[in-house]
Amino acid sequence: MGFIRNQEEKLAARFLRWQYQKQGLAAPAEEQIRRHAAQIVAEAHRIGRLRGGNLLEIMQELVADLLKKK
């Protein structure tokens, strides 16, 4: 995995933890957060290729959608 992709996943994981804390929910295990972060980054890249746009904004939307489903 490249340096930039790794940094994107760390950012997504941080954002996930923050969202759980903000909503007062218990955060899942670290491994699960890393898996979700990797999925969010992969999905953000896929969406970015299809419609363009800022990856950070796309990742924020995906995290919000993920937490709404729970």
PDB file of N, CA and C in Angstrom:
ATOM      1  N   MET A   1       0.849  -1.165   0.000  1.00  0.00           N
ATOM      2  CA  MET A   1       0.000   0.000   0.000  1.00  0.00           C
ATOM      3  C   MET A   1       0.896   1.231   0.000  1.00  0.00           C
ATOM      4  N   GLY A   2       0.514   2.207  -0.748  1.00  0.00           N
ATOM      5  CA  GLY A   2       1.295   3.422  -0.863  1.00  0.00           C
ATOM      6  C   GLY A   2       1.144   4.340   0.343  1.00  0.00           C
ATOM      7  N   PHE A   3       2.065   5.260   0.439  1.00  0.00           N
ATOM      8  CA  PHE A   3       2.082   6.201   1.556  1.00  0.00           C
ATOM      9  C   PHE A   3       0.794   7.018   1.616  1.00  0.00           C
ATOM     10  N   ILE A   4       0.361   7.528   0.490  1.00  0.00           N
ATOM     11  CA  ILE A   4      -0.830   8.389   0.469  1.00  0.00           C
ATOM     12  C   ILE A   4      -2.074   7.592   0.853  1.00  0.00           C
ATOM     13  N   ARG A   5      -2.200   6.398   0.319  1.00  0.00           N
ATOM     14  CA  ARG A   5      -3.357   5.555   0.646  1.00  0.00           C
ATOM     15  C   ARG A   5      -3.375   5.238   2.143  1.00  0.00           C
ATOM     16  N   ASN A   6      -2.202   4.964   2.684  1.00  0.00           N
ATOM     17  CA  ASN A   6      -2.089   4.685   4.117  1.00  0.00           C
ATOM     18  C   ASN A   6      -2.542   5.893   4.941  1.00  0.00           C
ATOM     19  N   GLN A   7      -2.131   7.080   4.542  1.00  0.00           N
ATOM     20  CA  GLN A   7      -2.525   8.299   5.242  1.00  0.00           C
ATOM     21  C   GLN A   7      -4.034   8.535   5.117  1.00  0.00           C
ATOM     22  N   GLU A   8      -4.597   8.238   3.953  1.00  0.00           N
ATOM     23  CA  GLU A   8      -6.041   8.387   3.769  1.00  0.00           C
ATOM     24  C   GLU A   8      -6.797   7.452   4.706  1.00  0.00           C
ATOM     25  N   GLU A   9      -6.307   6.220   4.845  1.00  0.00           N
ATOM     26  CA  GLU A   9      -6.966   5.261   5.728  1.00  0.00           C
ATOM     27  C   GLU A   9      -6.851   5.692   7.191  1.00  0.00           C
ATOM     28  N   LYS A  10      -5.705   6.234   7.576  1.00  0.00           N
ATOM     29  CA  LYS A  10      -5.550   6.727   8.949  1.00  0.00           C
ATOM     30  C   LYS A  10      -6.518   7.885   9.201  1.00  0.00           C
ATOM     31  N   LEU A  11      -6.661   8.773   8.231  1.00  0.00           N
ATOM     32  CA  LEU A  11      -7.585   9.895   8.362  1.00  0.00           C
ATOM     33  C   LEU A  11      -9.028   9.394   8.478  1.00  0.00           C
ATOM     34  N   ALA A  12      -9.390   8.429   7.658  1.00  0.00           N
ATOM     35  CA  ALA A  12     -10.745   7.870   7.706  1.00  0.00           C
ATOM     36  C   ALA A  12     -10.994   7.203   9.056  1.00  0.00           C
ATOM     37  N   ALA A  13     -10.007   6.484   9.582  1.00  0.00           N
ATOM     38  CA  ALA A  13     -10.153   5.836  10.886  1.00  0.00           C
ATOM     39  C   ALA A  13     -10.330   6.880  11.988  1.00  0.00           C
ATOM     40  N   ARG A  14      -9.558   7.948  11.922  1.00  0.00           N
ATOM     41  CA  ARG A  14      -9.687   9.019  12.899  1.00  0.00           C
ATOM     42  C   ARG A  14     -11.081   9.653  12.835  1.00  0.00           C
ATOM     43  N   PHE A  15     -11.538   9.859  11.623  1.00  0.00           N
ATOM     44  CA  PHE A  15     -12.861  10.443  11.436  1.00  0.00           C
ATOM     45  C   PHE A  15     -13.944   9.497  11.974  1.00  0.00           C
ATOM     46  N   LEU A  16     -13.783   8.194  11.741  1.00  0.00           N
ATOM     47  CA  LEU A  16     -14.743   7.220  12.264  1.00  0.00           C
ATOM     48  C   LEU A  16     -14.800   7.267  13.794  1.00  0.00           C
ATOM     49  N   ARG A  17     -13.633   7.244  14.431  1.00  0.00           N
ATOM     50  CA  ARG A  17     -13.579   7.296  15.891  1.00  0.00           C
ATOM     51  C   ARG A  17     -14.260   8.569  16.413  1.00  0.00           C
ATOM     52  N   TRP A  18     -13.988   9.687  15.743  1.00  0.00           N
ATOM     53  CA  TRP A  18     -14.577  10.960  16.145  1.00  0.00           C
ATOM     54  C   TRP A  18     -16.102  10.915  16.023  1.00  0.00           C
ATOM     55  N   GLN A  19     -16.585  10.336  14.938  1.00  0.00           N
ATOM     56  CA  GLN A  19     -18.037  10.254  14.733  1.00  0.00           C
ATOM     57  C   GLN A  19     -18.693   9.377  15.796  1.00  0.00           C
ATOM     58  N   TYR A  20     -18.065   8.245  16.128  1.00  0.00           N
ATOM     59  CA  TYR A  20     -18.606   7.400  17.190  1.00  0.00           C
ATOM     60  C   TYR A  20     -18.661   8.176  18.502  1.00  0.00           C
ATOM     61  N   GLN A  21     -17.591   8.882  18.825  1.00  0.00           N
ATOM     62  CA  GLN A  21     -17.535   9.655  20.057  1.00  0.00           C
ATOM     63  C   GLN A  21     -18.589  10.757  20.047  1.00  0.00           C
ATOM     64  N   LYS A  22     -18.714  11.442  18.920  1.00  0.00           N
ATOM     65  CA  LYS A  22     -19.671  12.542  18.793  1.00  0.00           C
ATOM     66  C   LYS A  22     -21.107  12.056  19.008  1.00  0.00           C
ATOM     67  N   GLN A  23     -21.397  10.853  18.528  1.00  0.00           N
ATOM     68  CA  GLN A  23     -22.752  10.308  18.663  1.00  0.00           C
ATOM     69  C   GLN A  23     -22.959   9.572  19.980  1.00  0.00           C
ATOM     70  N   GLY A  24     -21.907   9.484  20.797  1.00  0.00           N
ATOM     71  CA  GLY A  24     -22.024   8.817  22.086  1.00  0.00           C
ATOM     72  C   GLY A  24     -22.091   7.310  21.987  1.00  0.00           C
ATOM     73  N   LEU A  25     -21.589   6.756  20.892  1.00  0.00           N
ATOM     74  CA  LEU A  25     -21.597   5.309  20.694  1.00  0.00           C
ATOM     75  C   LEU A  25     -20.244   4.722  21.072  1.00  0.00           C
ATOM     76  N   ALA A  26     -20.265   3.497  21.506  1.00  0.00           N
ATOM     77  CA  ALA A  26     -19.009   2.803  21.801  1.00  0.00           C
ATOM     78  C   ALA A  26     -18.348   2.435  20.478  1.00  0.00           C
ATOM     79  N   ALA A  27     -17.093   2.769  20.342  1.00  0.00           N
ATOM     80  CA  ALA A  27     -16.360   2.461  19.113  1.00  0.00           C
ATOM     81  C   ALA A  27     -16.072   0.959  19.063  1.00  0.00           C
ATOM     82  N   PRO A  28     -16.153   0.354  17.881  1.00  0.00           N
ATOM     83  CA  PRO A  28     -15.822  -1.066  17.755  1.00  0.00           C
ATOM     84  C   PRO A  28     -14.316  -1.284  17.929  1.00  0.00           C
ATOM     85  N   ALA A  29     -13.914  -2.529  17.855  1.00  0.00           N
ATOM     86  CA  ALA A  29     -12.499  -2.880  17.993  1.00  0.00           C
ATOM     87  C   ALA A  29     -11.673  -2.175  16.920  1.00  0.00           C
ATOM     88  N   GLU A  30     -10.414  -1.923  17.230  1.00  0.00           N
ATOM     89  CA  GLU A  30      -9.519  -1.197  16.321  1.00  0.00           C
ATOM     90  C   GLU A  30      -9.415  -1.875  14.957  1.00  0.00           C
ATOM     91  N   GLU A  31      -9.374  -3.196  14.944  1.00  0.00           N
ATOM     92  CA  GLU A  31      -9.279  -3.919  13.664  1.00  0.00           C
ATOM     93  C   GLU A  31     -10.505  -3.655  12.797  1.00  0.00           C
ATOM     94  N   GLN A  32     -11.668  -3.601  13.414  1.00  0.00           N
ATOM     95  CA  GLN A  32     -12.891  -3.324  12.661  1.00  0.00           C
ATOM     96  C   GLN A  32     -12.878  -1.891  12.136  1.00  0.00           C
ATOM     97  N   ILE A  33     -12.394  -0.959  12.925  1.00  0.00           N
ATOM     98  CA  ILE A  33     -12.293   0.426  12.465  1.00  0.00           C
ATOM     99  C   ILE A  33     -11.351   0.504  11.273  1.00  0.00           C
ATOM    100  N   ARG A  34     -10.220  -0.200  11.339  1.00  0.00           N
ATOM    101  CA  ARG A  34      -9.278  -0.192  10.202  1.00  0.00           C
ATOM    102  C   ARG A  34      -9.918  -0.779   8.945  1.00  0.00           C
ATOM    103  N   ARG A  35     -10.687  -1.854   9.115  1.00  0.00           N
ATOM    104  CA  ARG A  35     -11.359  -2.452   7.949  1.00  0.00           C
ATOM    105  C   ARG A  35     -12.374  -1.486   7.351  1.00  0.00           C
ATOM    106  N   HIS A  36     -13.153  -0.856   8.206  1.00  0.00           N
ATOM    107  CA  HIS A  36     -14.130   0.121   7.721  1.00  0.00           C
ATOM    108  C   HIS A  36     -13.428   1.283   7.027  1.00  0.00           C
ATOM    109  N   ALA A  37     -12.331   1.746   7.607  1.00  0.00           N
ATOM    110  CA  ALA A  37     -11.579   2.853   7.006  1.00  0.00           C
ATOM    111  C   ALA A  37     -11.071   2.471   5.625  1.00  0.00           C
ATOM    112  N   ALA A  38     -10.541   1.250   5.489  1.00  0.00           N
ATOM    113  CA  ALA A  38     -10.044   0.792   4.183  1.00  0.00           C
ATOM    114  C   ALA A  38     -11.185   0.723   3.165  1.00  0.00           C
ATOM    115  N   GLN A  39     -12.354   0.255   3.604  1.00  0.00           N
ATOM    116  CA  GLN A  39     -13.513   0.190   2.707  1.00  0.00           C
ATOM    117  C   GLN A  39     -13.977   1.592   2.309  1.00  0.00           C
ATOM    118  N   ILE A  40     -13.959   2.498   3.249  1.00  0.00           N
ATOM    119  CA  ILE A  40     -14.383   3.877   2.970  1.00  0.00           C
ATOM    120  C   ILE A  40     -13.458   4.524   1.957  1.00  0.00           C
ATOM    121  N   VAL A  41     -12.154   4.342   2.134  1.00  0.00           N
ATOM    122  CA  VAL A  41     -11.186   4.939   1.205  1.00  0.00           C
ATOM    123  C   VAL A  41     -11.334   4.317  -0.185  1.00  0.00           C
ATOM    124  N   ALA A  42     -11.493   3.002  -0.250  1.00  0.00           N
ATOM    125  CA  ALA A  42     -11.662   2.344  -1.547  1.00  0.00           C
ATOM    126  C   ALA A  42     -12.920   2.846  -2.248  1.00  0.00           C
ATOM    127  N   GLU A  43     -14.004   2.954  -1.487  1.00  0.00           N
ATOM    128  CA  GLU A  43     -15.267   3.444  -2.060  1.00  0.00           C
ATOM    129  C   GLU A  43     -15.133   4.904  -2.483  1.00  0.00           C
ATOM    130  N   ALA A  44     -14.455   5.714  -1.686  1.00  0.00           N
ATOM    131  CA  ALA A  44     -14.260   7.125  -2.030  1.00  0.00           C
ATOM    132  C   ALA A  44     -13.468   7.264  -3.326  1.00  0.00           C
ATOM    133  N   HIS A  45     -12.449   6.429  -3.495  1.00  0.00           N
ATOM    134  CA  HIS A  45     -11.672   6.472  -4.733  1.00  0.00           C
ATOM    135  C   HIS A  45     -12.529   6.053  -5.928  1.00  0.00           C
ATOM    136  N   ARG A  46     -13.364   5.026  -5.731  1.00  0.00           N
ATOM    137  CA  ARG A  46     -14.241   4.564  -6.816  1.00  0.00           C
ATOM    138  C   ARG A  46     -15.213   5.671  -7.205  1.00  0.00           C
ATOM    139  N   ILE A  47     -15.822   6.307  -6.208  1.00  0.00           N
ATOM    140  CA  ILE A  47     -16.768   7.389  -6.479  1.00  0.00           C
ATOM    141  C   ILE A  47     -16.048   8.571  -7.114  1.00  0.00           C
ATOM    142  N   GLY A  48     -14.869   8.886  -6.613  1.00  0.00           N
ATOM    143  CA  GLY A  48     -14.085   9.993  -7.170  1.00  0.00           C
ATOM    144  C   GLY A  48     -13.766   9.785  -8.639  1.00  0.00           C
ATOM    145  N   ARG A  49     -13.465   8.535  -9.018  1.00  0.00           N
ATOM    146  CA  ARG A  49     -13.186   8.246 -10.437  1.00  0.00           C
ATOM    147  C   ARG A  49     -14.444   8.404 -11.287  1.00  0.00           C
ATOM    148  N   LEU A  50     -15.591   8.016 -10.732  1.00  0.00           N
ATOM    149  CA  LEU A  50     -16.839   8.079 -11.503  1.00  0.00           C
ATOM    150  C   LEU A  50     -17.360   9.499 -11.671  1.00  0.00           C
ATOM    151  N   ARG A  51     -17.407  10.248 -10.589  1.00  0.00           N
ATOM    152  CA  ARG A  51     -18.049  11.562 -10.671  1.00  0.00           C
ATOM    153  C   ARG A  51     -17.122  12.729 -10.367  1.00  0.00           C
ATOM    154  N   GLY A  52     -15.896  12.418 -10.010  1.00  0.00           N
ATOM    155  CA  GLY A  52     -14.969  13.474  -9.636  1.00  0.00           C
ATOM    156  C   GLY A  52     -15.288  13.973  -8.244  1.00  0.00           C
ATOM    157  N   GLY A  53     -14.553  14.900  -7.801  1.00  0.00           N
ATOM    158  CA  GLY A  53     -14.845  15.477  -6.494  1.00  0.00           C
ATOM    159  C   GLY A  53     -13.704  15.300  -5.514  1.00  0.00           C
ATOM    160  N   ASN A  54     -13.883  15.899  -4.378  1.00  0.00           N
ATOM    161  CA  ASN A  54     -12.901  15.905  -3.322  1.00  0.00           C
ATOM    162  C   ASN A  54     -13.016  14.617  -2.513  1.00  0.00           C
ATOM    163  N   LEU A  55     -11.921  13.866  -2.387  1.00  0.00           N
ATOM    164  CA  LEU A  55     -11.953  12.592  -1.674  1.00  0.00           C
ATOM    165  C   LEU A  55     -12.322  12.771  -0.203  1.00  0.00           C
ATOM    166  N   LEU A  56     -11.859  13.834   0.415  1.00  0.00           N
ATOM    167  CA  LEU A  56     -12.173  14.058   1.824  1.00  0.00           C
ATOM    168  C   LEU A  56     -13.677  14.224   2.017  1.00  0.00           C
ATOM    169  N   GLU A  57     -14.301  14.989   1.165  1.00  0.00           N
ATOM    170  CA  GLU A  57     -15.749  15.183   1.262  1.00  0.00           C
ATOM    171  C   GLU A  57     -16.491  13.870   1.027  1.00  0.00           C
ATOM    172  N   ILE A  58     -16.030  13.094   0.071  1.00  0.00           N
ATOM    173  CA  ILE A  58     -16.663  11.806  -0.216  1.00  0.00           C
ATOM    174  C   ILE A  58     -16.523  10.873   0.984  1.00  0.00           C
ATOM    175  N   MET A  59     -15.324  10.839   1.603  1.00  0.00           N
ATOM    176  CA  MET A  59     -15.116   9.984   2.773  1.00  0.00           C
ATOM    177  C   MET A  59     -16.021  10.420   3.922  1.00  0.00           C
ATOM    178  N   GLN A  60     -16.186  11.722   4.120  1.00  0.00           N
ATOM    179  CA  GLN A  60     -17.063  12.204   5.182  1.00  0.00           C
ATOM    180  C   GLN A  60     -18.500  11.760   4.948  1.00  0.00           C
ATOM    181  N   GLU A  61     -18.955  11.832   3.718  1.00  0.00           N
ATOM    182  CA  GLU A  61     -20.305  11.388   3.391  1.00  0.00           C
ATOM    183  C   GLU A  61     -20.461   9.893   3.655  1.00  0.00           C
ATOM    184  N   LEU A  62     -19.455   9.102   3.277  1.00  0.00           N
ATOM    185  CA  LEU A  62     -19.526   7.659   3.470  1.00  0.00           C
ATOM    186  C   LEU A  62     -19.546   7.287   4.944  1.00  0.00           C
ATOM    187  N   VAL A  63     -18.746   7.956   5.763  1.00  0.00           N
ATOM    188  CA  VAL A  63     -18.749   7.685   7.199  1.00  0.00           C
ATOM    189  C   VAL A  63     -20.108   8.036   7.786  1.00  0.00           C
ATOM    190  N   ALA A  64     -20.661   9.161   7.410  1.00  0.00           N
ATOM    191  CA  ALA A  64     -21.971   9.566   7.912  1.00  0.00           C
ATOM    192  C   ALA A  64     -23.033   8.532   7.527  1.00  0.00           C
ATOM    193  N   ASP A  65     -22.986   8.063   6.300  1.00  0.00           N
ATOM    194  CA  ASP A  65     -23.943   7.044   5.849  1.00  0.00           C
ATOM    195  C   ASP A  65     -23.752   5.733   6.607  1.00  0.00           C
ATOM    196  N   LEU A  66     -22.524   5.370   6.849  1.00  0.00           N
ATOM    197  CA  LEU A  66     -22.223   4.126   7.560  1.00  0.00           C
ATOM    198  C   LEU A  66     -22.809   4.170   8.964  1.00  0.00           C
ATOM    199  N   LEU A  67     -22.640   5.288   9.650  1.00  0.00           N
ATOM    200  CA  LEU A  67     -23.141   5.400  11.017  1.00  0.00           C
ATOM    201  C   LEU A  67     -24.662   5.538  11.085  1.00  0.00           C
ATOM    202  N   LYS A  68     -25.253   6.070  10.032  1.00  0.00           N
ATOM    203  CA  LYS A  68     -26.721   6.163  10.005  1.00  0.00           C
ATOM    204  C   LYS A  68     -27.357   4.786   9.913  1.00  0.00           C
ATOM    205  N   LYS A  69     -26.675   3.856   9.240  1.00  0.00           N
ATOM    206  CA  LYS A  69     -27.213   2.509   9.044  1.00  0.00           C
ATOM    207  C   LYS A  69     -27.192   1.699  10.327  1.00  0.00           C
ATOM    208  N   LYS A  70     -26.372   2.090  11.299  1.00  0.00           N
ATOM    209  CA  LYS A  70     -26.270   1.300  12.549  1.00  0.00           C
ATOM    210  C   LYS A  70     -27.318   1.677  13.533  1.00  0.00           C
TER     211      LYS A  70
END
